[in-house]
Amino acid sequence: MREIIFEVTEAPEGGYDARALGHSVFTQGDDWDDLKDMVRDAVLCHFDDRETPRVIRLHCASGAGAPCPAPTRPDKGTAASPLG
């Protein structure tokens, strides 16, 4: 698989929820950087080595039209990050 896309929403209790489109993968994070780490871990746990997507995309689905937060830890890359 080449890539997987997650729809990201703000959780009512704070933080973010992420649900993979077309796959049974769901995770949560306290903040944007935590969510990216949790999504990557969830993908690595869900797929075996041959099926692991090379790219993870996070799509912010904000009902209020607010943009997704920018990364705050430059060492963690961008919203589309390769696994490898």
Protein backbone atom coordinates (compact mmCIF):
# COMPACT_ATOMS: atom_id res chain seq x y z
CA MET A 1 0.00 0.00 0.00
CA ARG A 2 1.34 3.40 -0.90
CA GLU A 3 -0.50 5.70 1.52
CA ILE A 4 -3.19 5.88 4.17
CA ILE A 5 -5.35 8.90 4.97
CA PHE A 6 -6.71 9.74 8.41
CA GLU A 7 -9.59 12.11 9.06
CA VAL A 8 -8.72 14.18 12.11
CA THR A 9 -11.32 15.85 14.34
CA GLU A 10 -11.05 17.72 17.59
CA ALA A 11 -12.15 15.50 20.48
CA PRO A 12 -14.93 16.90 22.69
CA GLU A 13 -12.85 16.23 25.80
CA GLY A 14 -9.76 17.88 24.28
CA GLY A 15 -7.06 16.69 21.96
CA TYR A 16 -7.67 15.01 18.61
CA ASP A 17 -9.24 11.84 17.19
CA ALA A 18 -7.97 10.24 13.98
CA ARG A 19 -9.83 7.61 11.93
CA ALA A 20 -8.34 5.93 8.85
CA LEU A 21 -10.44 6.11 5.70
CA GLY A 22 -11.14 2.60 4.42
CA HIS A 23 -9.40 0.80 7.28
CA SER A 24 -10.27 -0.11 10.87
CA VAL A 25 -7.61 2.09 12.47
CA PHE A 26 -8.51 4.69 15.10
CA THR A 27 -6.38 6.56 17.60
CA GLN A 28 -6.26 9.71 19.74
CA GLY A 29 -3.67 12.25 20.82
CA ASP A 30 -3.52 14.96 23.47
CA ASP A 31 -2.05 17.47 21.01
CA TRP A 32 -1.12 17.59 17.32
CA ASP A 33 2.39 16.21 17.80
CA ASP A 34 1.15 13.43 20.09
CA LEU A 35 -1.52 12.53 17.54
CA LYS A 36 1.07 12.17 14.78
CA ASP A 37 3.10 9.80 16.96
CA MET A 38 -0.02 7.79 17.87
CA VAL A 39 -1.15 7.54 14.24
CA ARG A 40 2.25 6.26 13.17
CA ASP A 41 2.25 3.66 15.96
CA ALA A 42 -1.31 2.57 15.10
CA VAL A 43 -0.39 2.10 11.43
CA LEU A 44 2.72 0.09 12.29
CA CYS A 45 0.69 -2.14 14.62
CA HIS A 46 -2.22 -2.63 12.20
CA PHE A 47 -0.34 -3.60 9.03
CA ASP A 48 2.31 -6.25 8.49
CA ASP A 49 5.64 -5.29 6.92
CA ARG A 50 4.55 -5.96 3.33
CA GLU A 51 1.34 -3.91 3.63
CA THR A 52 2.55 -0.95 5.70
CA PRO A 53 1.76 2.31 3.88
CA ARG A 54 4.80 4.37 2.97
CA VAL A 55 2.98 7.68 3.54
CA ILE A 56 0.51 8.76 6.23
CA ARG A 57 -1.69 11.76 5.50
CA LEU A 58 -3.71 13.59 8.15
CA HIS A 59 -6.78 15.41 6.87
CA CYS A 60 -8.15 17.96 9.33
CA ALA A 61 -11.95 17.85 9.28
CA SER A 62 -12.74 20.92 11.35
CA GLY A 63 -16.42 21.86 11.35
CA ALA A 64 -15.63 25.47 12.20
CA GLY A 65 -13.22 25.84 9.29
CA ALA A 66 -10.24 26.35 11.55
CA PRO A 67 -6.95 25.13 10.07
CA CYS A 68 -5.05 22.19 11.47
CA PRO A 69 -2.33 23.25 13.85
CA ALA A 70 1.18 23.56 12.49
CA PRO A 71 3.79 21.12 13.78
CA THR A 72 5.59 22.40 16.84
CA ARG A 73 8.43 19.87 16.89
CA PRO A 74 10.49 20.33 13.71
CA ASP A 75 12.13 16.93 14.19
CA LYS A 76 8.78 15.21 13.65
CA GLY A 77 8.22 16.33 10.03
CA THR A 78 4.98 17.41 8.43
CA ALA A 79 1.45 16.06 8.30
CA ALA A 80 2.44 13.78 5.41
CA SER A 81 5.32 11.74 6.73
CA PRO A 82 7.02 8.74 5.16
CA LEU A 83 7.47 5.60 7.18
CA GLY A 84 10.79 4.12 6.86
